[in-house]
Amino acid sequence: MTTTRQRTAGGRVAWFAIAGVAIFIVVAIVLATRFGSDPTLTASPLVGRPAPEEPIRLADGSGAVSVADLRGDIVVVNFWASWCLPCREEHAALVQGANDYAAFDTTFVAVNYQDDPDRAAAFLAELGSSPETIYAVDEGSATAFAWGVLGLPETFFIDRDGVVVGKVSGPLTYGLLSATIEQIILGEAVGEITTGDVENR
């Protein structure tokens, strides 16, 4: 014969089990909708901090650029090289993004890293470049060190106040690039996303 106490205890166990399943489902839905199924979220010490402001030499030799010069714009800093296969994969998305979002005060800075100048120039001649992009060269890898670059490609997103609000490790798609910029325009958090492996020379 089942007592009232046994029925109450059984009801509590069932309630806790249902609550546990519900919490799991909610967390899973939040993670799936926020981050998607492919990219993975990882920690970055640079995200949430002011972007490095050391000058970077312009590729055409006409001077240098600093993120500090671009305060007030959303800035996309992409590290790339001609020897980097994923850089080739994402290049069209970066060119299109620079052109499409220039009207929204978004500036792209393409930093060529550990590359031969002639090969870098041939890469851009073959795949195209954007008049809305600032092309720069990382001399002595000092810029990559300041930004904590671990491999190529890596792309950093800086808000209008000069704070790094996002980073993508691995090749970008246009969909991910545009969604990230629009999140920043709306003042939403971005964080760090990994889309694939990065290459080292």
N, C-alpha and C. Protein backbone atom coordinates (compact mmCIF):
# COMPACT_ATOMS: atom_id res chain seq x y z
N MET A 1 0.84 -1.20 0.00
CA MET A 1 0.00 0.00 0.00
C MET A 1 0.88 1.25 0.00
N THR A 2 0.61 2.16 -0.91
CA THR A 2 1.41 3.38 -1.02
C THR A 2 0.91 4.42 -0.04
N THR A 3 1.84 4.95 0.77
CA THR A 3 1.47 5.95 1.77
C THR A 3 1.51 7.34 1.15
N THR A 4 0.92 8.31 1.89
CA THR A 4 0.95 9.72 1.44
C THR A 4 2.38 10.22 1.34
N ARG A 5 3.24 9.82 2.31
CA ARG A 5 4.63 10.26 2.31
C ARG A 5 5.36 9.73 1.07
N GLN A 6 5.10 8.46 0.69
CA GLN A 6 5.74 7.88 -0.48
C GLN A 6 5.30 8.59 -1.76
N ARG A 7 4.01 8.90 -1.83
CA ARG A 7 3.51 9.61 -3.01
C ARG A 7 4.14 11.00 -3.12
N THR A 8 4.29 11.68 -1.97
CA THR A 8 4.89 13.02 -1.97
C THR A 8 6.35 12.97 -2.41
N ALA A 9 7.10 11.98 -1.87
CA ALA A 9 8.51 11.84 -2.24
C ALA A 9 8.65 11.53 -3.73
N GLY A 10 7.79 10.64 -4.22
CA GLY A 10 7.84 10.30 -5.64
C GLY A 10 7.52 11.50 -6.52
N GLY A 11 6.58 12.33 -6.06
CA GLY A 11 6.23 13.53 -6.81
C GLY A 11 7.39 14.51 -6.87
N ARG A 12 8.12 14.63 -5.76
CA ARG A 12 9.28 15.54 -5.74
C ARG A 12 10.38 15.07 -6.69
N VAL A 13 10.63 13.77 -6.70
CA VAL A 13 11.65 13.23 -7.60
C VAL A 13 11.27 13.50 -9.04
N ALA A 14 10.01 13.27 -9.38
CA ALA A 14 9.54 13.50 -10.75
C ALA A 14 9.65 14.98 -11.11
N TRP A 15 9.31 15.85 -10.14
CA TRP A 15 9.37 17.30 -10.40
C TRP A 15 10.80 17.74 -10.67
N PHE A 16 11.77 17.26 -9.86
CA PHE A 16 13.17 17.62 -10.05
C PHE A 16 13.69 17.10 -11.39
N ALA A 17 13.26 15.91 -11.77
CA ALA A 17 13.69 15.35 -13.05
C ALA A 17 13.18 16.19 -14.21
N ILE A 18 11.90 16.58 -14.13
CA ILE A 18 11.32 17.43 -15.19
C ILE A 18 12.02 18.78 -15.24
N ALA A 19 12.28 19.37 -14.07
CA ALA A 19 12.94 20.67 -14.02
C ALA A 19 14.35 20.59 -14.61
N GLY A 20 15.06 19.49 -14.29
CA GLY A 20 16.41 19.32 -14.82
C GLY A 20 16.42 19.23 -16.33
N VAL A 21 15.48 18.47 -16.88
CA VAL A 21 15.38 18.35 -18.34
C VAL A 21 15.03 19.69 -18.98
N ALA A 22 14.12 20.43 -18.36
CA ALA A 22 13.71 21.73 -18.90
C ALA A 22 14.89 22.70 -18.92
N ILE A 23 15.68 22.73 -17.85
CA ILE A 23 16.84 23.63 -17.79
C ILE A 23 17.84 23.25 -18.88
N PHE A 24 18.08 21.95 -19.06
CA PHE A 24 19.00 21.49 -20.09
C PHE A 24 18.55 21.94 -21.48
N ILE A 25 17.26 21.80 -21.75
CA ILE A 25 16.72 22.19 -23.06
C ILE A 25 16.87 23.69 -23.30
N VAL A 26 16.58 24.49 -22.27
CA VAL A 26 16.69 25.95 -22.41
C VAL A 26 18.13 26.36 -22.69
N VAL A 27 19.08 25.79 -21.94
CA VAL A 27 20.49 26.12 -22.15
C VAL A 27 20.94 25.71 -23.55
N ALA A 28 20.51 24.53 -23.98
CA ALA A 28 20.89 24.06 -25.31
C ALA A 28 20.35 24.98 -26.40
N ILE A 29 19.09 25.44 -26.23
CA ILE A 29 18.50 26.34 -27.23
C ILE A 29 19.24 27.67 -27.26
N VAL A 30 19.58 28.21 -26.10
CA VAL A 30 20.30 29.49 -26.04
C VAL A 30 21.64 29.38 -26.73
N LEU A 31 22.39 28.31 -26.44
CA LEU A 31 23.70 28.14 -27.06
C LEU A 31 23.58 27.94 -28.56
N ALA A 32 22.60 27.18 -28.98
CA ALA A 32 22.45 26.91 -30.41
C ALA A 32 22.08 28.16 -31.18
N THR A 33 21.19 28.98 -30.62
CA THR A 33 20.76 30.18 -31.34
C THR A 33 21.80 31.28 -31.29
N ARG A 34 22.59 31.33 -30.22
CA ARG A 34 23.58 32.41 -30.12
C ARG A 34 24.84 32.12 -30.93
N PHE A 35 25.31 30.89 -30.87
CA PHE A 35 26.60 30.61 -31.45
C PHE A 35 26.55 29.75 -32.71
N GLY A 36 25.42 29.16 -33.02
CA GLY A 36 25.35 28.31 -34.19
C GLY A 36 25.93 26.94 -33.90
N SER A 37 25.85 26.05 -34.87
CA SER A 37 26.29 24.69 -34.64
C SER A 37 27.75 24.45 -35.00
N ASP A 38 28.32 25.28 -35.89
CA ASP A 38 29.68 25.04 -36.33
C ASP A 38 30.72 25.80 -35.50
N PRO A 39 30.62 27.15 -35.37
CA PRO A 39 31.64 27.85 -34.61
C PRO A 39 31.60 27.46 -33.14
N THR A 40 32.75 27.58 -32.47
CA THR A 40 32.82 27.33 -31.05
C THR A 40 33.32 28.56 -30.34
N LEU A 41 32.77 28.80 -29.16
CA LEU A 41 33.14 29.98 -28.40
C LEU A 41 34.36 29.68 -27.54
N THR A 42 35.37 30.55 -27.57
CA THR A 42 36.54 30.40 -26.73
C THR A 42 36.89 31.74 -26.12
N ALA A 43 37.70 31.70 -25.06
CA ALA A 43 38.06 32.92 -24.36
C ALA A 43 39.18 33.64 -25.09
N SER A 44 39.21 34.97 -24.99
CA SER A 44 40.27 35.78 -25.57
C SER A 44 40.61 36.90 -24.62
N PRO A 45 41.88 37.07 -24.26
CA PRO A 45 42.25 38.14 -23.35
C PRO A 45 42.11 39.53 -23.96
N LEU A 46 42.12 39.61 -25.29
CA LEU A 46 42.04 40.92 -25.94
C LEU A 46 40.61 41.43 -26.04
N VAL A 47 39.64 40.51 -26.14
CA VAL A 47 38.25 40.92 -26.27
C VAL A 47 37.81 41.63 -24.98
N GLY A 48 37.21 42.80 -25.16
CA GLY A 48 36.77 43.59 -24.02
C GLY A 48 37.77 44.66 -23.61
N ARG A 49 38.93 44.67 -24.26
CA ARG A 49 39.97 45.65 -23.93
C ARG A 49 40.18 46.62 -25.10
N PRO A 50 40.78 47.78 -24.84
CA PRO A 50 41.11 48.70 -25.94
C PRO A 50 42.04 48.03 -26.94
N ALA A 51 41.82 48.28 -28.20
CA ALA A 51 42.66 47.69 -29.24
C ALA A 51 44.07 48.27 -29.19
N PRO A 52 45.08 47.47 -29.53
CA PRO A 52 46.45 48.02 -29.62
C PRO A 52 46.47 49.19 -30.61
N GLU A 53 47.24 50.21 -30.28
CA GLU A 53 47.24 51.43 -31.10
C GLU A 53 48.58 51.70 -31.76
N GLU A 54 49.51 50.73 -31.71
CA GLU A 54 50.79 50.93 -32.36
C GLU A 54 50.59 51.11 -33.86
N PRO A 55 51.29 52.06 -34.48
CA PRO A 55 51.15 52.28 -35.93
C PRO A 55 51.58 51.06 -36.73
N ILE A 56 50.89 50.84 -37.85
CA ILE A 56 51.20 49.75 -38.76
C ILE A 56 51.54 50.37 -40.11
N ARG A 57 52.66 49.96 -40.70
CA ARG A 57 53.10 50.58 -41.95
C ARG A 57 52.16 50.24 -43.09
N LEU A 58 51.80 51.26 -43.87
CA LEU A 58 50.94 51.05 -45.03
C LEU A 58 51.70 50.29 -46.11
N ALA A 59 51.01 49.44 -46.83
CA ALA A 59 51.65 48.58 -47.83
C ALA A 59 52.26 49.39 -48.97
N ASP A 60 51.69 50.55 -49.27
CA ASP A 60 52.23 51.36 -50.38
C ASP A 60 53.38 52.26 -49.94
N GLY A 61 53.76 52.16 -48.66
CA GLY A 61 54.90 52.94 -48.17
C GLY A 61 54.62 54.40 -47.91
N SER A 62 53.36 54.79 -47.94
CA SER A 62 53.03 56.22 -47.81
C SER A 62 52.88 56.69 -46.37
N GLY A 63 53.08 55.81 -45.41
CA GLY A 63 52.92 56.21 -44.02
C GLY A 63 52.51 55.03 -43.16
N ALA A 64 51.71 55.33 -42.15
CA ALA A 64 51.27 54.28 -41.23
C ALA A 64 49.84 54.56 -40.80
N VAL A 65 49.20 53.54 -40.25
CA VAL A 65 47.84 53.68 -39.74
C VAL A 65 47.80 53.12 -38.33
N SER A 66 46.97 53.73 -37.50
CA SER A 66 46.74 53.23 -36.15
C SER A 66 45.24 53.13 -35.93
N VAL A 67 44.83 52.17 -35.13
CA VAL A 67 43.42 52.05 -34.79
C VAL A 67 42.93 53.34 -34.13
N ALA A 68 43.83 54.02 -33.44
CA ALA A 68 43.46 55.29 -32.80
C ALA A 68 43.01 56.32 -33.82
N ASP A 69 43.57 56.24 -35.04
CA ASP A 69 43.19 57.18 -36.11
C ASP A 69 41.77 56.94 -36.60
N LEU A 70 41.24 55.76 -36.31
CA LEU A 70 39.95 55.34 -36.85
C LEU A 70 38.84 55.36 -35.80
N ARG A 71 39.12 55.97 -34.65
CA ARG A 71 38.12 56.04 -33.59
C ARG A 71 36.83 56.67 -34.10
N GLY A 72 35.71 56.09 -33.77
CA GLY A 72 34.41 56.53 -34.29
C GLY A 72 33.88 55.61 -35.36
N ASP A 73 34.77 54.83 -35.98
CA ASP A 73 34.37 53.82 -36.96
C ASP A 73 34.35 52.44 -36.30
N ILE A 74 33.57 51.54 -36.85
CA ILE A 74 33.76 50.12 -36.56
C ILE A 74 34.95 49.69 -37.40
N VAL A 75 35.90 48.98 -36.80
CA VAL A 75 37.12 48.60 -37.50
C VAL A 75 37.24 47.09 -37.53
N VAL A 76 37.52 46.57 -38.72
CA VAL A 76 37.75 45.14 -38.90
C VAL A 76 39.21 44.96 -39.28
N VAL A 77 39.99 44.32 -38.41
CA VAL A 77 41.42 44.11 -38.65
C VAL A 77 41.64 42.64 -38.98
N ASN A 78 42.08 42.39 -40.21
CA ASN A 78 42.27 41.02 -40.70
C ASN A 78 43.76 40.76 -40.95
N PHE A 79 44.29 39.69 -40.36
CA PHE A 79 45.67 39.28 -40.60
C PHE A 79 45.67 38.19 -41.66
N TRP A 80 46.49 38.37 -42.71
CA TRP A 80 46.46 37.46 -43.85
C TRP A 80 47.86 37.34 -44.47
N ALA A 81 48.00 36.37 -45.37
CA ALA A 81 49.25 36.21 -46.14
C ALA A 81 48.95 35.42 -47.40
N SER A 82 49.81 35.56 -48.40
CA SER A 82 49.59 34.86 -49.66
C SER A 82 49.78 33.35 -49.51
N TRP A 83 50.57 32.90 -48.52
CA TRP A 83 50.82 31.47 -48.32
C TRP A 83 49.71 30.79 -47.52
N CYS A 84 48.74 31.55 -47.06
CA CYS A 84 47.67 31.04 -46.20
C CYS A 84 46.47 30.63 -47.06
N LEU A 85 46.22 29.33 -47.15
CA LEU A 85 45.11 28.85 -47.98
C LEU A 85 43.74 29.31 -47.48
N PRO A 86 43.45 29.28 -46.16
CA PRO A 86 42.16 29.79 -45.70
C PRO A 86 41.98 31.28 -45.98
N CYS A 87 43.10 32.03 -46.08
CA CYS A 87 43.01 33.45 -46.41
C CYS A 87 42.46 33.63 -47.83
N ARG A 88 42.87 32.76 -48.70
CA ARG A 88 42.34 32.77 -50.08
C ARG A 88 40.85 32.46 -50.07
N GLU A 89 40.46 31.54 -49.21
CA GLU A 89 39.06 31.12 -49.11
C GLU A 89 38.14 32.26 -48.66
N GLU A 90 38.62 33.10 -47.76
CA GLU A 90 37.78 34.15 -47.19
C GLU A 90 37.90 35.51 -47.88
N HIS A 91 38.86 35.63 -48.80
CA HIS A 91 39.20 36.95 -49.34
C HIS A 91 38.03 37.67 -50.00
N ALA A 92 37.25 36.95 -50.81
CA ALA A 92 36.12 37.60 -51.50
C ALA A 92 35.12 38.16 -50.51
N ALA A 93 34.91 37.46 -49.39
CA ALA A 93 33.97 37.94 -48.37
C ALA A 93 34.46 39.24 -47.75
N LEU A 94 35.77 39.35 -47.53
CA LEU A 94 36.34 40.57 -46.94
C LEU A 94 36.24 41.75 -47.91
N VAL A 95 36.51 41.50 -49.18
CA VAL A 95 36.40 42.57 -50.17
C VAL A 95 34.96 43.06 -50.26
N GLN A 96 34.02 42.13 -50.34
CA GLN A 96 32.61 42.50 -50.42
C GLN A 96 32.16 43.22 -49.15
N GLY A 97 32.60 42.72 -47.99
CA GLY A 97 32.22 43.35 -46.73
C GLY A 97 32.73 44.77 -46.62
N ALA A 98 33.98 45.00 -47.03
CA ALA A 98 34.55 46.35 -46.99
C ALA A 98 33.75 47.31 -47.86
N ASN A 99 33.36 46.84 -49.04
CA ASN A 99 32.58 47.68 -49.95
C ASN A 99 31.17 47.92 -49.43
N ASP A 100 30.53 46.88 -48.92
CA ASP A 100 29.12 46.98 -48.51
C ASP A 100 28.93 47.82 -47.24
N TYR A 101 29.90 47.76 -46.32
CA TYR A 101 29.69 48.41 -45.03
C TYR A 101 30.44 49.73 -44.87
N ALA A 102 31.08 50.20 -45.93
CA ALA A 102 31.75 51.50 -45.85
C ALA A 102 30.76 52.61 -45.54
N ALA A 103 29.55 52.50 -46.06
CA ALA A 103 28.52 53.51 -45.82
C ALA A 103 28.07 53.54 -44.36
N PHE A 104 28.39 52.50 -43.62
CA PHE A 104 28.02 52.42 -42.19
C PHE A 104 29.21 52.78 -41.30
N ASP A 105 30.18 53.53 -41.88
CA ASP A 105 31.38 53.94 -41.13
C ASP A 105 32.10 52.73 -40.56
N THR A 106 32.34 51.76 -41.42
CA THR A 106 33.10 50.57 -41.07
C THR A 106 34.36 50.55 -41.92
N THR A 107 35.51 50.46 -41.27
CA THR A 107 36.80 50.47 -41.97
C THR A 107 37.50 49.13 -41.82
N PHE A 108 37.97 48.59 -42.92
CA PHE A 108 38.72 47.34 -42.91
C PHE A 108 40.22 47.63 -43.00
N VAL A 109 41.00 46.97 -42.17
CA VAL A 109 42.46 47.07 -42.23
C VAL A 109 42.99 45.66 -42.46
N ALA A 110 43.64 45.45 -43.61
CA ALA A 110 44.19 44.14 -43.97
C ALA A 110 45.68 44.16 -43.68
N VAL A 111 46.12 43.37 -42.72
CA VAL A 111 47.52 43.37 -42.28
C VAL A 111 48.22 42.15 -42.86
N ASN A 112 49.16 42.38 -43.76
CA ASN A 112 49.92 41.30 -44.37
C ASN A 112 51.03 40.85 -43.41
N TYR A 113 51.08 39.52 -43.15
CA TYR A 113 51.91 38.99 -42.08
C TYR A 113 52.92 37.97 -42.61
N GLN A 114 54.20 38.19 -42.29
CA GLN A 114 55.28 37.26 -42.66
C GLN A 114 55.16 36.79 -44.10
N ASP A 115 55.15 37.75 -45.00
CA ASP A 115 54.91 37.44 -46.42
C ASP A 115 55.95 38.12 -47.29
N ASP A 116 56.11 37.60 -48.49
CA ASP A 116 56.95 38.23 -49.49
C ASP A 116 56.12 39.33 -50.17
N PRO A 117 56.64 40.56 -50.25
CA PRO A 117 55.84 41.67 -50.82
C PRO A 117 55.34 41.39 -52.23
N ASP A 118 56.17 40.78 -53.06
CA ASP A 118 55.75 40.50 -54.44
C ASP A 118 54.62 39.46 -54.47
N ARG A 119 54.72 38.45 -53.61
CA ARG A 119 53.66 37.44 -53.57
C ARG A 119 52.37 38.02 -53.00
N ALA A 120 52.50 38.90 -52.03
CA ALA A 120 51.30 39.56 -51.49
C ALA A 120 50.62 40.40 -52.56
N ALA A 121 51.43 41.13 -53.34
CA ALA A 121 50.88 41.96 -54.41
C ALA A 121 50.22 41.09 -55.47
N ALA A 122 50.82 39.96 -55.79
CA ALA A 122 50.25 39.05 -56.78
C ALA A 122 48.94 38.45 -56.29
N PHE A 123 48.86 38.16 -54.99
CA PHE A 123 47.63 37.64 -54.37
C PHE A 123 46.49 38.63 -54.58
N LEU A 124 46.75 39.91 -54.30
CA LEU A 124 45.71 40.94 -54.45
C LEU A 124 45.37 41.19 -55.91
N ALA A 125 46.38 41.11 -56.77
CA ALA A 125 46.13 41.31 -58.20
C ALA A 125 45.25 40.20 -58.75
N GLU A 126 45.45 38.99 -58.25
CA GLU A 126 44.67 37.85 -58.73
C GLU A 126 43.25 37.84 -58.17
N LEU A 127 43.12 38.06 -56.85
CA LEU A 127 41.83 37.90 -56.18
C LEU A 127 41.07 39.21 -56.00
N GLY A 128 41.73 40.32 -56.23
CA GLY A 128 41.05 41.61 -56.12
C GLY A 128 41.29 42.29 -54.79
N SER A 129 41.09 43.58 -54.79
CA SER A 129 41.22 44.38 -53.57
C SER A 129 40.07 45.37 -53.50
N SER A 130 39.92 45.99 -52.35
CA SER A 130 38.83 46.94 -52.16
C SER A 130 39.38 48.34 -51.93
N PRO A 131 38.84 49.35 -52.60
CA PRO A 131 39.28 50.72 -52.35
C PRO A 131 38.89 51.20 -50.95
N GLU A 132 38.01 50.45 -50.29
CA GLU A 132 37.56 50.81 -48.95
C GLU A 132 38.43 50.15 -47.86
N THR A 133 39.43 49.37 -48.26
CA THR A 133 40.29 48.66 -47.31
C THR A 133 41.64 49.35 -47.21
N ILE A 134 42.16 49.46 -46.00
CA ILE A 134 43.51 49.97 -45.76
C ILE A 134 44.44 48.76 -45.72
N TYR A 135 45.39 48.69 -46.66
CA TYR A 135 46.32 47.57 -46.72
C TYR A 135 47.63 47.96 -46.02
N ALA A 136 48.02 47.12 -45.06
CA ALA A 136 49.19 47.41 -44.24
C ALA A 136 50.09 46.18 -44.16
N VAL A 137 51.31 46.39 -43.67
CA VAL A 137 52.31 45.32 -43.58
C VAL A 137 52.83 45.25 -42.15
N ASP A 138 52.87 44.03 -41.62
CA ASP A 138 53.36 43.81 -40.26
C ASP A 138 54.86 43.59 -40.30
N GLU A 139 55.62 44.64 -40.02
CA GLU A 139 57.07 44.55 -40.05
C GLU A 139 57.59 43.86 -38.80
N GLY A 140 58.36 42.80 -39.00
CA GLY A 140 58.96 42.10 -37.88
C GLY A 140 57.98 41.39 -36.97
N SER A 141 56.76 41.21 -37.43
CA SER A 141 55.70 40.53 -36.68
C SER A 141 55.32 41.24 -35.39
N ALA A 142 55.71 42.50 -35.25
CA ALA A 142 55.42 43.25 -34.02
C ALA A 142 53.93 43.46 -33.83
N THR A 143 53.22 43.71 -34.92
CA THR A 143 51.78 43.94 -34.83
C THR A 143 51.04 42.67 -34.43
N ALA A 144 51.40 41.55 -35.05
CA ALA A 144 50.77 40.27 -34.71
C ALA A 144 51.02 39.93 -33.24
N PHE A 145 52.21 40.22 -32.75
CA PHE A 145 52.52 39.96 -31.34
C PHE A 145 51.63 40.81 -30.43
N ALA A 146 51.47 42.09 -30.78
CA ALA A 146 50.66 42.99 -29.96
C ALA A 146 49.20 42.55 -29.92
N TRP A 147 48.73 41.98 -31.02
CA TRP A 147 47.34 41.54 -31.11
C TRP A 147 47.14 40.10 -30.65
N GLY A 148 48.22 39.40 -30.36
CA GLY A 148 48.11 38.03 -29.89
C GLY A 148 47.71 37.05 -30.98
N VAL A 149 48.16 37.29 -32.20
CA VAL A 149 47.81 36.42 -33.33
C VAL A 149 48.51 35.08 -33.18
N LEU A 150 47.75 33.99 -33.32
CA LEU A 150 48.29 32.64 -33.18
C LEU A 150 48.47 31.95 -34.52
N GLY A 151 47.82 32.43 -35.55
CA GLY A 151 47.90 31.84 -36.88
C GLY A 151 46.98 32.61 -37.81
N LEU A 152 46.98 32.22 -39.07
CA LEU A 152 46.17 32.93 -40.07
C LEU A 152 45.09 32.02 -40.64
N PRO A 153 43.95 32.63 -41.00
CA PRO A 153 43.60 34.03 -40.80
C PRO A 153 42.99 34.27 -39.42
N GLU A 154 43.18 35.48 -38.92
CA GLU A 154 42.50 35.92 -37.71
C GLU A 154 41.95 37.32 -37.97
N THR A 155 40.74 37.55 -37.51
CA THR A 155 40.07 38.82 -37.75
C THR A 155 39.54 39.38 -36.44
N PHE A 156 39.86 40.63 -36.17
CA PHE A 156 39.42 41.30 -34.95
C PHE A 156 38.40 42.38 -35.30
N PHE A 157 37.42 42.55 -34.40
CA PHE A 157 36.37 43.54 -34.60
C PHE A 157 36.44 44.56 -33.46
N ILE A 158 36.54 45.83 -33.83
CA ILE A 158 36.69 46.91 -32.85
C ILE A 158 35.48 47.82 -32.95
N ASP A 159 34.91 48.18 -31.80
CA ASP A 159 33.73 49.05 -31.85
C ASP A 159 34.14 50.51 -32.00
N ARG A 160 33.17 51.40 -32.03
CA ARG A 160 33.43 52.81 -32.31
C ARG A 160 34.20 53.51 -31.19
N ASP A 161 34.28 52.86 -30.03
CA ASP A 161 35.04 53.42 -28.91
C ASP A 161 36.46 52.88 -28.86
N GLY A 162 36.84 52.06 -29.84
CA GLY A 162 38.20 51.54 -29.88
C GLY A 162 38.41 50.29 -29.05
N VAL A 163 37.33 49.59 -28.67
CA VAL A 163 37.42 48.39 -27.85
C VAL A 163 37.25 47.15 -28.74
N VAL A 164 38.11 46.15 -28.54
CA VAL A 164 37.98 44.89 -29.27
C VAL A 164 36.77 44.16 -28.71
N VAL A 165 35.77 43.94 -29.55
CA VAL A 165 34.54 43.30 -29.09
C VAL A 165 34.35 41.91 -29.68
N GLY A 166 35.20 41.52 -30.63
CA GLY A 166 35.05 40.21 -31.22
C GLY A 166 36.28 39.77 -31.98
N LYS A 167 36.41 38.47 -32.16
CA LYS A 167 37.52 37.90 -32.91
C LYS A 167 37.05 36.60 -33.57
N VAL A 168 37.45 36.42 -34.83
CA VAL A 168 37.17 35.18 -35.53
C VAL A 168 38.51 34.54 -35.90
N SER A 169 38.71 33.30 -35.46
CA SER A 169 39.88 32.52 -35.84
C SER A 169 39.46 31.54 -36.91
N GLY A 170 40.16 31.58 -38.05
CA GLY A 170 39.77 30.75 -39.18
C GLY A 170 39.08 31.59 -40.24
N PRO A 171 38.76 31.00 -41.37
CA PRO A 171 38.20 31.76 -42.48
C PRO A 171 36.79 32.26 -42.21
N LEU A 172 36.55 33.49 -42.65
CA LEU A 172 35.23 34.11 -42.55
C LEU A 172 34.38 33.76 -43.77
N THR A 173 33.09 33.66 -43.57
CA THR A 173 32.14 33.70 -44.68
C THR A 173 31.53 35.10 -44.68
N TYR A 174 30.92 35.45 -45.81
CA TYR A 174 30.28 36.77 -45.84
C TYR A 174 29.13 36.84 -44.83
N GLY A 175 28.41 35.73 -44.68
CA GLY A 175 27.30 35.71 -43.72
C GLY A 175 27.75 35.99 -42.31
N LEU A 176 28.84 35.34 -41.89
CA LEU A 176 29.36 35.56 -40.54
C LEU A 176 29.91 36.96 -40.39
N LEU A 177 30.62 37.44 -41.40
CA LEU A 177 31.19 38.79 -41.37
C LEU A 177 30.11 39.84 -41.24
N SER A 178 29.09 39.76 -42.09
CA SER A 178 28.02 40.77 -42.06
C SER A 178 27.21 40.69 -40.77
N ALA A 179 26.96 39.47 -40.29
CA ALA A 179 26.20 39.32 -39.04
C ALA A 179 26.97 39.91 -37.87
N THR A 180 28.28 39.73 -37.86
CA THR A 180 29.10 40.27 -36.77
C THR A 180 29.12 41.79 -36.79
N ILE A 181 29.29 42.37 -37.97
CA ILE A 181 29.28 43.83 -38.08
C ILE A 181 27.93 44.39 -37.64
N GLU A 182 26.85 43.74 -38.06
CA GLU A 182 25.52 44.23 -37.70
C GLU A 182 25.26 44.09 -36.20
N GLN A 183 25.82 43.05 -35.57
CA GLN A 183 25.71 42.94 -34.12
C GLN A 183 26.38 44.14 -33.44
N ILE A 184 27.55 44.53 -33.95
CA ILE A 184 28.27 45.67 -33.38
C ILE A 184 27.49 46.96 -33.60
N ILE A 185 26.94 47.12 -34.80
CA ILE A 185 26.13 48.31 -35.08
C ILE A 185 24.97 48.42 -34.10
N LEU A 186 24.37 47.29 -33.74
CA LEU A 186 23.24 47.25 -32.81
C LEU A 186 23.66 47.27 -31.35
N GLY A 187 24.98 47.26 -31.10
CA GLY A 187 25.47 47.29 -29.73
C GLY A 187 25.40 45.96 -29.02
N GLU A 188 25.32 44.86 -29.77
CA GLU A 188 25.24 43.54 -29.17
C GLU A 188 26.63 42.95 -28.96
N ALA A 189 26.75 42.01 -28.01
CA ALA A 189 28.02 41.35 -27.73
C ALA A 189 28.37 40.40 -28.88
N VAL A 190 29.67 40.24 -29.12
CA VAL A 190 30.13 39.36 -30.18
C VAL A 190 30.93 38.19 -29.61
N GLY A 191 32.02 38.46 -28.89
CA GLY A 191 32.83 37.39 -28.33
C GLY A 191 33.80 36.83 -29.35
N GLU A 192 34.27 35.61 -29.14
CA GLU A 192 35.25 34.99 -30.02
C GLU A 192 34.70 33.72 -30.63
N ILE A 193 34.93 33.57 -31.94
CA ILE A 193 34.41 32.43 -32.68
C ILE A 193 35.55 31.76 -33.45
N THR A 194 35.56 30.44 -33.45
CA THR A 194 36.51 29.68 -34.25
C THR A 194 35.74 28.98 -35.36
N THR A 195 36.14 29.25 -36.61
CA THR A 195 35.45 28.64 -37.75
C THR A 195 36.25 27.50 -38.36
N GLY A 196 37.53 27.40 -37.99
CA GLY A 196 38.37 26.37 -38.55
C GLY A 196 39.79 26.55 -38.06
N ASP A 197 40.69 25.72 -38.55
CA ASP A 197 42.09 25.81 -38.14
C ASP A 197 42.76 27.04 -38.75
N VAL A 198 43.76 27.54 -38.01
CA VAL A 198 44.58 28.63 -38.54
C VAL A 198 45.93 28.06 -38.94
N GLU A 199 46.62 28.74 -39.87
CA GLU A 199 47.91 28.26 -40.38
C GLU A 199 49.04 29.08 -39.80
N ASN A 200 50.18 28.42 -39.61
CA ASN A 200 51.41 29.08 -39.20
C ASN A 200 52.49 28.79 -40.23
N ARG A 201 53.35 29.75 -40.42
CA ARG A 201 54.41 29.56 -41.41
C ARG A 201 55.59 28.84 -40.78
